[in-house]
Amino acid sequence: MKNEKITMLKEAGILFAITLLAGLLLGVVYEVTKEPRKIQQERLVQEACIAAFPEAKAQGKALQFTAIEAVPSQETLSALAETMVEIGTVYEAKADDVFYGYVVEAISAKGYGGKIVLYVGVTADGTVGGVSITEISETPGLGMEAPSVLVPQFAGRKVTEFTYTKKGAVAENEVDAISSATITTRAVTNAVNGGLKMALELLEGGTLHE
């Protein structure tokens, strides 16, 4: 009996040592990779912001994006809650001190495979400059087609809200749904609408840009 207890204590000690060592190693790996991951994330956001203003890029404008404090109104918060969309960071876009618009990070929690994160660019006159999806885990061949099928349809539209259709878009605010991927289409459209609503709210707030 005594030998069994000693054996159990030894095994418990070994297990504890292994767990402690694994924890220490994970901590070291996290610290070593923290800065590279931060740089990678910043680069990804910068690329998404630029992609949200393709016209400015085509004109050779070097846009600068500055994160600003943006608190949605109660009305906007209620609309976002209904579609399970959250607003992340909001950026003000400028080039040579000229105001171009806003880029709004919008997150939908209702994708088929999980959350979908995208950035919506809205120009100073309320036109959707572009949309860039940075995080999506939908079904290959279906929902994963969102960046190539849905995203191009939003650009250049001056509307207050989008809707999707399975019968062929005819109205300015309509986009064609991805075939057999209604859940993904709805999640992306809702996220774009959330980002657009936030941007329009800021534009209508009377802020002066010189």
N, C-alpha and C. Protein backbone atom coordinates (compact mmCIF):
# COMPACT_ATOMS: atom_id res chain seq x y z
N MET A 1 0.82 -1.20 0.00
CA MET A 1 0.00 0.00 0.00
C MET A 1 0.86 1.26 0.00
N LYS A 2 1.96 1.20 0.84
CA LYS A 2 2.85 2.35 0.94
C LYS A 2 3.53 2.62 -0.39
N ASN A 3 3.97 1.52 -1.06
CA ASN A 3 4.64 1.67 -2.35
C ASN A 3 3.70 2.27 -3.40
N GLU A 4 2.41 1.86 -3.32
CA GLU A 4 1.42 2.39 -4.26
C GLU A 4 1.25 3.89 -4.08
N LYS A 5 1.21 4.35 -2.83
CA LYS A 5 1.08 5.78 -2.55
C LYS A 5 2.28 6.56 -3.08
N ILE A 6 3.46 5.99 -2.86
CA ILE A 6 4.69 6.65 -3.34
C ILE A 6 4.68 6.76 -4.86
N THR A 7 4.24 5.67 -5.51
CA THR A 7 4.16 5.66 -6.97
C THR A 7 3.18 6.71 -7.47
N MET A 8 2.01 6.79 -6.79
CA MET A 8 1.00 7.77 -7.18
C MET A 8 1.51 9.19 -7.01
N LEU A 9 2.24 9.45 -5.93
CA LEU A 9 2.79 10.79 -5.68
C LEU A 9 3.83 11.15 -6.74
N LYS A 10 4.63 10.15 -7.11
CA LYS A 10 5.65 10.38 -8.15
C LYS A 10 4.99 10.72 -9.48
N GLU A 11 3.96 9.95 -9.83
CA GLU A 11 3.25 10.18 -11.09
C GLU A 11 2.56 11.55 -11.09
N ALA A 12 1.99 11.90 -9.94
CA ALA A 12 1.33 13.20 -9.82
C ALA A 12 2.35 14.33 -9.96
N GLY A 13 3.53 14.11 -9.38
CA GLY A 13 4.59 15.11 -9.46
C GLY A 13 5.08 15.29 -10.89
N ILE A 14 5.23 14.16 -11.59
CA ILE A 14 5.68 14.21 -12.98
C ILE A 14 4.65 14.93 -13.85
N LEU A 15 3.37 14.60 -13.62
CA LEU A 15 2.28 15.23 -14.38
C LEU A 15 2.24 16.73 -14.12
N PHE A 16 2.43 17.11 -12.86
CA PHE A 16 2.44 18.53 -12.51
C PHE A 16 3.60 19.25 -13.20
N ALA A 17 4.77 18.61 -13.21
CA ALA A 17 5.95 19.21 -13.83
C ALA A 17 5.75 19.39 -15.34
N ILE A 18 5.15 18.38 -15.96
CA ILE A 18 4.89 18.45 -17.41
C ILE A 18 3.91 19.58 -17.72
N THR A 19 2.83 19.67 -16.91
CA THR A 19 1.82 20.71 -17.10
C THR A 19 2.42 22.10 -16.91
N LEU A 20 3.26 22.23 -15.87
CA LEU A 20 3.90 23.51 -15.59
C LEU A 20 4.83 23.91 -16.73
N LEU A 21 5.60 22.94 -17.24
CA LEU A 21 6.54 23.21 -18.33
C LEU A 21 5.79 23.61 -19.60
N ALA A 22 4.69 22.89 -19.87
CA ALA A 22 3.89 23.20 -21.06
C ALA A 22 3.32 24.61 -20.96
N GLY A 23 2.86 24.97 -19.77
CA GLY A 23 2.30 26.30 -19.57
C GLY A 23 3.36 27.39 -19.77
N LEU A 24 4.55 27.13 -19.25
CA LEU A 24 5.65 28.09 -19.41
C LEU A 24 6.03 28.26 -20.88
N LEU A 25 6.09 27.12 -21.59
CA LEU A 25 6.44 27.17 -23.01
C LEU A 25 5.39 27.94 -23.82
N LEU A 26 4.10 27.71 -23.51
CA LEU A 26 3.03 28.44 -24.20
C LEU A 26 3.14 29.93 -23.94
N GLY A 27 3.49 30.27 -22.69
CA GLY A 27 3.65 31.68 -22.33
C GLY A 27 4.78 32.33 -23.12
N VAL A 28 5.88 31.59 -23.25
CA VAL A 28 7.04 32.10 -23.99
C VAL A 28 6.68 32.29 -25.47
N VAL A 29 6.01 31.28 -26.04
CA VAL A 29 5.60 31.36 -27.46
C VAL A 29 4.68 32.55 -27.68
N TYR A 30 3.74 32.76 -26.75
CA TYR A 30 2.79 33.87 -26.87
C TYR A 30 3.53 35.21 -26.89
N GLU A 31 4.48 35.36 -25.95
CA GLU A 31 5.22 36.62 -25.86
C GLU A 31 6.08 36.86 -27.10
N VAL A 32 6.69 35.77 -27.60
CA VAL A 32 7.56 35.90 -28.77
C VAL A 32 6.77 36.28 -30.01
N THR A 33 5.56 35.72 -30.13
CA THR A 33 4.76 35.97 -31.34
C THR A 33 3.79 37.13 -31.21
N LYS A 34 3.70 37.73 -30.04
CA LYS A 34 2.72 38.80 -29.81
C LYS A 34 2.93 39.99 -30.73
N GLU A 35 4.16 40.45 -30.82
CA GLU A 35 4.44 41.63 -31.65
C GLU A 35 4.25 41.34 -33.15
N PRO A 36 4.76 40.19 -33.66
CA PRO A 36 4.50 39.87 -35.07
C PRO A 36 3.01 39.76 -35.38
N ARG A 37 2.24 39.18 -34.44
CA ARG A 37 0.80 39.06 -34.66
C ARG A 37 0.13 40.42 -34.68
N LYS A 38 0.60 41.32 -33.84
CA LYS A 38 0.07 42.68 -33.80
C LYS A 38 0.35 43.40 -35.11
N ILE A 39 1.56 43.25 -35.61
CA ILE A 39 1.94 43.88 -36.88
C ILE A 39 1.12 43.32 -38.03
N GLN A 40 0.92 41.99 -38.02
CA GLN A 40 0.13 41.33 -39.05
C GLN A 40 -1.31 41.83 -39.03
N GLN A 41 -1.88 41.98 -37.83
CA GLN A 41 -3.25 42.46 -37.70
C GLN A 41 -3.38 43.89 -38.19
N GLU A 42 -2.41 44.73 -37.85
CA GLU A 42 -2.43 46.12 -38.29
C GLU A 42 -2.34 46.21 -39.81
N ARG A 43 -1.52 45.35 -40.40
CA ARG A 43 -1.39 45.34 -41.86
C ARG A 43 -2.69 44.90 -42.52
N LEU A 44 -3.34 43.90 -41.91
CA LEU A 44 -4.60 43.39 -42.44
C LEU A 44 -5.68 44.47 -42.41
N VAL A 45 -5.75 45.20 -41.31
CA VAL A 45 -6.73 46.28 -41.19
C VAL A 45 -6.45 47.39 -42.19
N GLN A 46 -5.18 47.73 -42.35
CA GLN A 46 -4.79 48.78 -43.30
C GLN A 46 -5.20 48.39 -44.72
N GLU A 47 -4.95 47.13 -45.07
CA GLU A 47 -5.32 46.65 -46.41
C GLU A 47 -6.83 46.67 -46.60
N ALA A 48 -7.56 46.32 -45.54
CA ALA A 48 -9.02 46.31 -45.61
C ALA A 48 -9.55 47.72 -45.80
N CYS A 49 -8.96 48.67 -45.11
CA CYS A 49 -9.39 50.07 -45.22
C CYS A 49 -9.14 50.60 -46.63
N ILE A 50 -7.98 50.27 -47.18
CA ILE A 50 -7.64 50.72 -48.54
C ILE A 50 -8.59 50.09 -49.55
N ALA A 51 -8.90 48.80 -49.35
CA ALA A 51 -9.79 48.09 -50.25
C ALA A 51 -11.20 48.67 -50.22
N ALA A 52 -11.55 49.32 -49.11
CA ALA A 52 -12.88 49.90 -48.98
C ALA A 52 -13.01 51.22 -49.73
N PHE A 53 -11.89 51.74 -50.24
CA PHE A 53 -11.90 52.96 -51.05
C PHE A 53 -11.13 52.72 -52.35
N PRO A 54 -11.61 51.81 -53.19
CA PRO A 54 -10.89 51.46 -54.42
C PRO A 54 -10.73 52.63 -55.39
N GLU A 55 -11.70 53.53 -55.41
CA GLU A 55 -11.63 54.68 -56.33
C GLU A 55 -10.48 55.60 -55.96
N ALA A 56 -10.31 55.83 -54.66
CA ALA A 56 -9.21 56.68 -54.20
C ALA A 56 -7.87 56.03 -54.53
N LYS A 57 -7.81 54.71 -54.38
CA LYS A 57 -6.58 53.99 -54.71
C LYS A 57 -6.27 54.10 -56.19
N ALA A 58 -7.33 53.99 -57.02
CA ALA A 58 -7.17 54.09 -58.47
C ALA A 58 -6.68 55.48 -58.88
N GLN A 59 -7.04 56.47 -58.11
CA GLN A 59 -6.62 57.84 -58.40
C GLN A 59 -5.24 58.15 -57.83
N GLY A 60 -4.65 57.17 -57.20
CA GLY A 60 -3.32 57.36 -56.64
C GLY A 60 -3.29 58.13 -55.34
N LYS A 61 -4.42 58.21 -54.66
CA LYS A 61 -4.49 58.94 -53.40
C LYS A 61 -3.95 58.07 -52.26
N ALA A 62 -3.05 58.63 -51.50
CA ALA A 62 -2.49 57.92 -50.35
C ALA A 62 -3.35 58.22 -49.13
N LEU A 63 -4.35 57.41 -48.94
CA LEU A 63 -5.27 57.65 -47.83
C LEU A 63 -4.63 57.29 -46.49
N GLN A 64 -4.98 58.07 -45.50
CA GLN A 64 -4.54 57.80 -44.14
C GLN A 64 -5.79 57.51 -43.30
N PHE A 65 -5.71 56.49 -42.46
CA PHE A 65 -6.86 56.08 -41.68
C PHE A 65 -6.57 56.26 -40.20
N THR A 66 -7.43 57.02 -39.54
CA THR A 66 -7.26 57.30 -38.12
C THR A 66 -8.46 56.79 -37.34
N ALA A 67 -8.21 55.96 -36.35
CA ALA A 67 -9.30 55.45 -35.52
C ALA A 67 -9.92 56.59 -34.72
N ILE A 68 -11.24 56.63 -34.71
CA ILE A 68 -11.94 57.68 -33.98
C ILE A 68 -12.93 57.05 -33.00
N GLU A 69 -13.37 57.84 -32.05
CA GLU A 69 -14.38 57.36 -31.11
C GLU A 69 -15.76 57.56 -31.72
N ALA A 70 -16.50 56.50 -31.88
CA ALA A 70 -17.82 56.57 -32.49
C ALA A 70 -18.80 55.72 -31.69
N VAL A 71 -19.75 56.38 -31.07
CA VAL A 71 -20.74 55.67 -30.25
C VAL A 71 -22.08 55.67 -30.98
N PRO A 72 -22.59 54.49 -31.35
CA PRO A 72 -23.86 54.42 -32.06
C PRO A 72 -25.01 54.98 -31.22
N SER A 73 -25.98 55.59 -31.88
CA SER A 73 -27.16 56.09 -31.18
C SER A 73 -27.99 54.90 -30.70
N GLN A 74 -28.97 55.18 -29.86
CA GLN A 74 -29.82 54.12 -29.36
C GLN A 74 -30.60 53.46 -30.49
N GLU A 75 -31.01 54.27 -31.47
CA GLU A 75 -31.72 53.74 -32.62
C GLU A 75 -30.86 52.76 -33.40
N THR A 76 -29.60 53.16 -33.61
CA THR A 76 -28.68 52.28 -34.34
C THR A 76 -28.38 51.02 -33.55
N LEU A 77 -28.20 51.16 -32.24
CA LEU A 77 -27.93 50.00 -31.39
C LEU A 77 -29.08 48.99 -31.44
N SER A 78 -30.29 49.52 -31.47
CA SER A 78 -31.47 48.64 -31.53
C SER A 78 -31.50 47.89 -32.86
N ALA A 79 -31.19 48.61 -33.95
CA ALA A 79 -31.18 47.98 -35.27
C ALA A 79 -30.09 46.92 -35.35
N LEU A 80 -28.94 47.20 -34.77
CA LEU A 80 -27.83 46.25 -34.77
C LEU A 80 -28.18 45.01 -33.96
N ALA A 81 -28.85 45.20 -32.83
CA ALA A 81 -29.21 44.09 -31.96
C ALA A 81 -30.17 43.13 -32.67
N GLU A 82 -31.06 43.67 -33.48
CA GLU A 82 -32.03 42.85 -34.19
C GLU A 82 -31.37 41.90 -35.19
N THR A 83 -30.26 42.34 -35.75
CA THR A 83 -29.56 41.52 -36.75
C THR A 83 -28.29 40.87 -36.20
N MET A 84 -28.06 41.04 -34.90
CA MET A 84 -26.88 40.49 -34.22
C MET A 84 -25.59 40.92 -34.91
N VAL A 85 -25.49 42.23 -35.12
CA VAL A 85 -24.29 42.83 -35.71
C VAL A 85 -23.67 43.79 -34.69
N GLU A 86 -22.36 43.76 -34.58
CA GLU A 86 -21.65 44.68 -33.69
C GLU A 86 -20.76 45.60 -34.51
N ILE A 87 -20.60 46.81 -34.02
CA ILE A 87 -19.69 47.76 -34.65
C ILE A 87 -18.36 47.73 -33.92
N GLY A 88 -17.29 47.56 -34.68
CA GLY A 88 -15.96 47.55 -34.08
C GLY A 88 -15.31 48.92 -34.20
N THR A 89 -14.09 48.95 -34.68
CA THR A 89 -13.36 50.21 -34.81
C THR A 89 -13.85 51.01 -36.02
N VAL A 90 -13.93 52.31 -35.84
CA VAL A 90 -14.32 53.21 -36.93
C VAL A 90 -13.11 54.09 -37.28
N TYR A 91 -12.82 54.19 -38.57
CA TYR A 91 -11.68 54.97 -39.04
C TYR A 91 -12.15 56.15 -39.90
N GLU A 92 -11.48 57.26 -39.74
CA GLU A 92 -11.71 58.42 -40.60
C GLU A 92 -10.66 58.39 -41.70
N ALA A 93 -11.10 58.51 -42.94
CA ALA A 93 -10.19 58.44 -44.09
C ALA A 93 -9.90 59.84 -44.63
N LYS A 94 -8.62 60.15 -44.75
CA LYS A 94 -8.21 61.45 -45.28
C LYS A 94 -7.02 61.27 -46.22
N ALA A 95 -6.87 62.22 -47.13
CA ALA A 95 -5.71 62.28 -48.01
C ALA A 95 -5.35 63.74 -48.18
N ASP A 96 -4.14 64.10 -47.79
CA ASP A 96 -3.71 65.51 -47.84
C ASP A 96 -4.69 66.41 -47.10
N ASP A 97 -5.12 65.96 -45.93
CA ASP A 97 -6.06 66.68 -45.07
C ASP A 97 -7.45 66.85 -45.66
N VAL A 98 -7.72 66.16 -46.74
CA VAL A 98 -9.06 66.19 -47.35
C VAL A 98 -9.84 64.98 -46.84
N PHE A 99 -11.03 65.22 -46.31
CA PHE A 99 -11.86 64.16 -45.76
C PHE A 99 -12.50 63.35 -46.88
N TYR A 100 -12.34 62.02 -46.83
CA TYR A 100 -12.90 61.14 -47.85
C TYR A 100 -14.10 60.34 -47.36
N GLY A 101 -14.14 60.07 -46.07
CA GLY A 101 -15.25 59.30 -45.55
C GLY A 101 -14.84 58.47 -44.35
N TYR A 102 -15.59 57.42 -44.12
CA TYR A 102 -15.33 56.56 -42.97
C TYR A 102 -15.20 55.10 -43.40
N VAL A 103 -14.44 54.36 -42.62
CA VAL A 103 -14.37 52.91 -42.77
C VAL A 103 -14.84 52.33 -41.44
N VAL A 104 -15.86 51.50 -41.49
CA VAL A 104 -16.45 50.95 -40.27
C VAL A 104 -16.28 49.44 -40.22
N GLU A 105 -15.73 48.95 -39.14
CA GLU A 105 -15.63 47.52 -38.92
C GLU A 105 -16.97 47.01 -38.40
N ALA A 106 -17.52 46.00 -39.06
CA ALA A 106 -18.80 45.42 -38.64
C ALA A 106 -18.65 43.91 -38.50
N ILE A 107 -19.20 43.36 -37.43
CA ILE A 107 -19.07 41.93 -37.15
C ILE A 107 -20.45 41.30 -37.04
N SER A 108 -20.70 40.29 -37.86
CA SER A 108 -21.96 39.54 -37.77
C SER A 108 -21.70 38.23 -37.05
N ALA A 109 -22.56 37.92 -36.09
CA ALA A 109 -22.42 36.68 -35.35
C ALA A 109 -23.26 35.56 -35.95
N LYS A 110 -23.88 35.82 -37.08
CA LYS A 110 -24.86 34.88 -37.64
C LYS A 110 -24.43 34.25 -38.96
N GLY A 111 -23.12 34.14 -39.19
CA GLY A 111 -22.68 33.42 -40.38
C GLY A 111 -22.96 31.93 -40.22
N TYR A 112 -23.00 31.19 -41.30
CA TYR A 112 -23.27 29.76 -41.24
C TYR A 112 -22.17 29.03 -40.47
N GLY A 113 -20.91 29.49 -40.64
CA GLY A 113 -19.80 28.83 -39.97
C GLY A 113 -19.22 29.62 -38.82
N GLY A 114 -19.91 30.66 -38.37
CA GLY A 114 -19.39 31.48 -37.28
C GLY A 114 -19.47 32.95 -37.62
N LYS A 115 -18.65 33.75 -36.94
CA LYS A 115 -18.73 35.19 -37.17
C LYS A 115 -18.06 35.60 -38.48
N ILE A 116 -18.56 36.70 -39.02
CA ILE A 116 -18.00 37.28 -40.24
C ILE A 116 -17.60 38.71 -39.93
N VAL A 117 -16.35 39.04 -40.20
CA VAL A 117 -15.84 40.39 -39.94
C VAL A 117 -15.56 41.07 -41.27
N LEU A 118 -16.08 42.28 -41.42
CA LEU A 118 -15.83 43.02 -42.66
C LEU A 118 -15.69 44.51 -42.38
N TYR A 119 -15.18 45.22 -43.38
CA TYR A 119 -15.00 46.66 -43.29
C TYR A 119 -15.77 47.33 -44.42
N VAL A 120 -16.57 48.34 -44.05
CA VAL A 120 -17.38 49.06 -45.02
C VAL A 120 -16.83 50.47 -45.17
N GLY A 121 -16.51 50.83 -46.41
CA GLY A 121 -16.05 52.19 -46.68
C GLY A 121 -17.20 53.03 -47.20
N VAL A 122 -17.45 54.17 -46.59
CA VAL A 122 -18.53 55.06 -47.01
C VAL A 122 -17.94 56.44 -47.27
N THR A 123 -18.12 56.94 -48.48
CA THR A 123 -17.53 58.23 -48.86
C THR A 123 -18.29 59.38 -48.23
N ALA A 124 -17.74 60.58 -48.38
CA ALA A 124 -18.31 61.77 -47.75
C ALA A 124 -19.73 62.07 -48.19
N ASP A 125 -20.11 61.61 -49.39
CA ASP A 125 -21.47 61.87 -49.87
C ASP A 125 -22.43 60.71 -49.58
N GLY A 126 -21.97 59.73 -48.80
CA GLY A 126 -22.85 58.64 -48.39
C GLY A 126 -22.86 57.45 -49.33
N THR A 127 -21.96 57.42 -50.28
CA THR A 127 -21.87 56.29 -51.21
C THR A 127 -20.98 55.20 -50.63
N VAL A 128 -21.38 53.96 -50.80
CA VAL A 128 -20.53 52.85 -50.35
C VAL A 128 -19.35 52.74 -51.30
N GLY A 129 -18.17 53.01 -50.78
CA GLY A 129 -16.97 52.94 -51.62
C GLY A 129 -16.60 51.51 -51.92
N GLY A 130 -16.70 50.67 -50.90
CA GLY A 130 -16.36 49.26 -51.07
C GLY A 130 -16.49 48.51 -49.77
N VAL A 131 -16.37 47.21 -49.86
CA VAL A 131 -16.46 46.33 -48.69
C VAL A 131 -15.31 45.34 -48.75
N SER A 132 -14.72 45.07 -47.60
CA SER A 132 -13.62 44.11 -47.54
C SER A 132 -13.87 43.13 -46.39
N ILE A 133 -13.94 41.85 -46.70
CA ILE A 133 -14.15 40.82 -45.67
C ILE A 133 -12.78 40.33 -45.18
N THR A 134 -12.58 40.38 -43.88
CA THR A 134 -11.29 39.97 -43.32
C THR A 134 -11.35 38.66 -42.55
N GLU A 135 -12.54 38.25 -42.17
CA GLU A 135 -12.68 36.99 -41.42
C GLU A 135 -13.98 36.30 -41.82
N ILE A 136 -13.87 35.09 -42.33
CA ILE A 136 -15.04 34.33 -42.75
C ILE A 136 -14.70 32.84 -42.77
N SER A 137 -15.62 32.00 -42.26
CA SER A 137 -15.38 30.56 -42.21
C SER A 137 -16.64 29.82 -42.67
N GLU A 138 -17.06 30.11 -43.89
CA GLU A 138 -18.28 29.51 -44.41
C GLU A 138 -17.98 28.25 -45.23
N THR A 139 -19.01 27.67 -45.81
CA THR A 139 -18.85 26.43 -46.57
C THR A 139 -18.11 26.69 -47.89
N PRO A 140 -17.03 25.93 -48.16
CA PRO A 140 -16.30 26.10 -49.42
C PRO A 140 -17.22 25.90 -50.62
N GLY A 141 -17.09 26.76 -51.61
CA GLY A 141 -17.91 26.65 -52.81
C GLY A 141 -19.28 27.27 -52.68
N LEU A 142 -19.66 27.63 -51.46
CA LEU A 142 -20.97 28.27 -51.23
C LEU A 142 -20.74 29.61 -50.52
N GLY A 143 -20.85 29.60 -49.19
CA GLY A 143 -20.68 30.85 -48.44
C GLY A 143 -19.31 31.49 -48.60
N MET A 144 -18.29 30.66 -48.84
CA MET A 144 -16.94 31.20 -49.00
C MET A 144 -16.80 32.01 -50.29
N GLU A 145 -17.82 32.00 -51.13
CA GLU A 145 -17.81 32.80 -52.35
C GLU A 145 -18.20 34.25 -52.08
N ALA A 146 -18.54 34.56 -50.85
CA ALA A 146 -18.99 35.92 -50.51
C ALA A 146 -18.03 37.02 -50.96
N PRO A 147 -16.71 36.88 -50.73
CA PRO A 147 -15.80 37.95 -51.17
C PRO A 147 -15.83 38.21 -52.67
N SER A 148 -16.05 37.17 -53.47
CA SER A 148 -16.04 37.36 -54.93
C SER A 148 -17.43 37.61 -55.51
N VAL A 149 -18.48 37.10 -54.84
CA VAL A 149 -19.83 37.24 -55.37
C VAL A 149 -20.59 38.41 -54.76
N LEU A 150 -20.55 38.53 -53.44
CA LEU A 150 -21.33 39.58 -52.77
C LEU A 150 -20.62 40.92 -52.72
N VAL A 151 -19.36 40.90 -52.29
CA VAL A 151 -18.62 42.14 -52.06
C VAL A 151 -18.67 43.13 -53.23
N PRO A 152 -18.43 42.69 -54.48
CA PRO A 152 -18.44 43.66 -55.59
C PRO A 152 -19.79 44.35 -55.82
N GLN A 153 -20.86 43.74 -55.33
CA GLN A 153 -22.19 44.29 -55.59
C GLN A 153 -22.52 45.53 -54.75
N PHE A 154 -21.82 45.72 -53.65
CA PHE A 154 -22.11 46.85 -52.77
C PHE A 154 -21.47 48.16 -53.23
N ALA A 155 -20.33 48.05 -53.87
CA ALA A 155 -19.54 49.24 -54.23
C ALA A 155 -20.29 50.17 -55.19
N GLY A 156 -20.16 51.46 -54.92
CA GLY A 156 -20.73 52.46 -55.81
C GLY A 156 -22.21 52.72 -55.61
N ARG A 157 -22.82 52.09 -54.62
CA ARG A 157 -24.25 52.28 -54.37
C ARG A 157 -24.47 53.37 -53.32
N LYS A 158 -25.39 54.25 -53.59
CA LYS A 158 -25.74 55.31 -52.63
C LYS A 158 -27.14 55.03 -52.11
N VAL A 159 -27.20 54.20 -51.07
CA VAL A 159 -28.47 53.81 -50.47
C VAL A 159 -28.33 53.89 -48.95
N THR A 160 -29.43 53.75 -48.26
CA THR A 160 -29.37 53.76 -46.79
C THR A 160 -29.39 52.35 -46.22
N GLU A 161 -29.79 51.39 -47.04
CA GLU A 161 -29.84 50.01 -46.58
C GLU A 161 -29.92 49.06 -47.77
N PHE A 162 -29.28 47.90 -47.62
CA PHE A 162 -29.31 46.90 -48.69
C PHE A 162 -30.26 45.76 -48.32
N THR A 163 -30.76 45.12 -49.34
CA THR A 163 -31.53 43.90 -49.17
C THR A 163 -31.06 42.90 -50.22
N TYR A 164 -31.24 41.63 -49.98
CA TYR A 164 -30.80 40.63 -50.96
C TYR A 164 -32.01 39.95 -51.59
N THR A 165 -31.81 39.45 -52.77
CA THR A 165 -32.88 38.78 -53.49
C THR A 165 -32.36 37.54 -54.19
N LYS A 166 -33.22 36.57 -54.38
CA LYS A 166 -32.86 35.35 -55.09
C LYS A 166 -33.42 35.36 -56.51
N LYS A 167 -34.10 36.46 -56.88
CA LYS A 167 -34.78 36.52 -58.17
C LYS A 167 -34.08 37.44 -59.17
N GLY A 168 -32.92 37.94 -58.81
CA GLY A 168 -32.20 38.84 -59.71
C GLY A 168 -32.38 40.28 -59.27
N ALA A 169 -31.30 40.92 -58.86
CA ALA A 169 -31.37 42.29 -58.36
C ALA A 169 -31.75 43.26 -59.48
N VAL A 170 -32.72 44.13 -59.17
CA VAL A 170 -33.15 45.15 -60.13
C VAL A 170 -33.10 46.54 -59.52
N ALA A 171 -33.37 46.64 -58.21
CA ALA A 171 -33.35 47.93 -57.53
C ALA A 171 -31.93 48.29 -57.10
N GLU A 172 -31.71 49.57 -56.88
CA GLU A 172 -30.38 50.07 -56.51
C GLU A 172 -29.89 49.47 -55.20
N ASN A 173 -30.83 49.16 -54.30
CA ASN A 173 -30.44 48.66 -52.99
C ASN A 173 -30.46 47.13 -52.89
N GLU A 174 -30.63 46.46 -54.02
CA GLU A 174 -30.68 45.00 -54.02
C GLU A 174 -29.36 44.38 -54.45
N VAL A 175 -29.03 43.24 -53.82
CA VAL A 175 -27.87 42.46 -54.23
C VAL A 175 -28.34 41.02 -54.46
N ASP A 176 -27.70 40.35 -55.40
CA ASP A 176 -28.05 38.96 -55.69
C ASP A 176 -27.46 38.05 -54.62
N ALA A 177 -28.29 37.21 -54.05
CA ALA A 177 -27.84 36.27 -53.03
C ALA A 177 -26.95 35.20 -53.64
N ILE A 178 -26.08 34.63 -52.83
CA ILE A 178 -25.27 33.50 -53.27
C ILE A 178 -26.18 32.28 -53.33
N SER A 179 -26.18 31.58 -54.43
CA SER A 179 -27.03 30.41 -54.58
C SER A 179 -26.73 29.37 -53.49
N SER A 180 -27.77 28.93 -52.81
CA SER A 180 -27.67 27.91 -51.74
C SER A 180 -26.85 28.38 -50.54
N ALA A 181 -26.72 29.68 -50.36
CA ALA A 181 -25.99 30.20 -49.20
C ALA A 181 -26.71 31.43 -48.65
N THR A 182 -27.99 31.23 -48.34
CA THR A 182 -28.82 32.33 -47.85
C THR A 182 -28.34 32.86 -46.50
N ILE A 183 -27.92 31.97 -45.62
CA ILE A 183 -27.48 32.40 -44.28
C ILE A 183 -26.26 33.30 -44.39
N THR A 184 -25.31 32.92 -45.21
CA THR A 184 -24.12 33.74 -45.41
C THR A 184 -24.49 35.08 -46.04
N THR A 185 -25.34 35.03 -47.05
CA THR A 185 -25.77 36.26 -47.72
C THR A 185 -26.42 37.21 -46.73
N ARG A 186 -27.30 36.67 -45.89
CA ARG A 186 -27.99 37.50 -44.91
C ARG A 186 -27.00 38.11 -43.91
N ALA A 187 -26.05 37.31 -43.44
CA ALA A 187 -25.08 37.79 -42.45
C ALA A 187 -24.22 38.90 -43.02
N VAL A 188 -23.74 38.72 -44.25
CA VAL A 188 -22.90 39.74 -44.88
C VAL A 188 -23.70 41.01 -45.14
N THR A 189 -24.91 40.86 -45.66
CA THR A 189 -25.75 42.02 -45.94
C THR A 189 -26.07 42.79 -44.67
N ASN A 190 -26.39 42.07 -43.60
CA ASN A 190 -26.68 42.73 -42.33
C ASN A 190 -25.47 43.47 -41.78
N ALA A 191 -24.29 42.87 -41.92
CA ALA A 191 -23.07 43.51 -41.44
C ALA A 191 -22.78 44.78 -42.25
N VAL A 192 -22.94 44.70 -43.56
CA VAL A 192 -22.74 45.88 -44.41
C VAL A 192 -23.74 46.97 -44.02
N ASN A 193 -24.99 46.60 -43.80
CA ASN A 193 -26.01 47.57 -43.40
C ASN A 193 -25.67 48.22 -42.06
N GLY A 194 -25.12 47.42 -41.14
CA GLY A 194 -24.73 47.96 -39.84
C GLY A 194 -23.61 48.99 -39.98
N GLY A 195 -22.58 48.63 -40.76
CA GLY A 195 -21.48 49.57 -40.98
C GLY A 195 -21.94 50.82 -41.71
N LEU A 196 -22.80 50.64 -42.69
CA LEU A 196 -23.33 51.78 -43.45
C LEU A 196 -24.15 52.70 -42.56
N LYS A 197 -24.98 52.12 -41.72
CA LYS A 197 -25.81 52.92 -40.82
C LYS A 197 -24.95 53.75 -39.87
N MET A 198 -23.88 53.14 -39.36
CA MET A 198 -22.98 53.86 -38.45
C MET A 198 -22.29 55.02 -39.17
N ALA A 199 -21.84 54.77 -40.39
CA ALA A 199 -21.15 55.80 -41.17
C ALA A 199 -22.10 56.95 -41.52
N LEU A 200 -23.30 56.62 -41.94
CA LEU A 200 -24.28 57.66 -42.30
C LEU A 200 -24.66 58.49 -41.07
N GLU A 201 -24.71 57.83 -39.93
CA GLU A 201 -25.01 58.55 -38.70
C GLU A 201 -23.92 59.57 -38.40
N LEU A 202 -22.68 59.18 -38.61
CA LEU A 202 -21.56 60.11 -38.40
C LEU A 202 -21.60 61.25 -39.40
N LEU A 203 -21.89 60.92 -40.66
CA LEU A 203 -21.95 61.95 -41.70
C LEU A 203 -23.09 62.93 -41.46
N GLU A 204 -24.18 62.44 -40.93
CA GLU A 204 -25.34 63.30 -40.68
C GLU A 204 -25.23 64.05 -39.36
N GLY A 205 -24.15 63.76 -38.62
CA GLY A 205 -23.99 64.39 -37.30
C GLY A 205 -23.56 65.84 -37.38
N GLY A 206 -23.28 66.34 -38.58
CA GLY A 206 -22.93 67.74 -38.73
C GLY A 206 -21.46 68.05 -38.52
N THR A 207 -20.62 66.99 -38.46
CA THR A 207 -19.19 67.22 -38.29
C THR A 207 -18.63 67.90 -39.54
N LEU A 208 -17.86 68.97 -39.35
CA LEU A 208 -17.29 69.71 -40.47
C LEU A 208 -15.92 69.15 -40.82
N HIS A 209 -15.69 68.98 -42.09
CA HIS A 209 -14.38 68.49 -42.56
C HIS A 209 -13.86 69.49 -43.59
N GLU A 210 -12.68 69.99 -43.38
CA GLU A 210 -12.12 70.98 -44.28
C GLU A 210 -11.11 70.35 -45.23
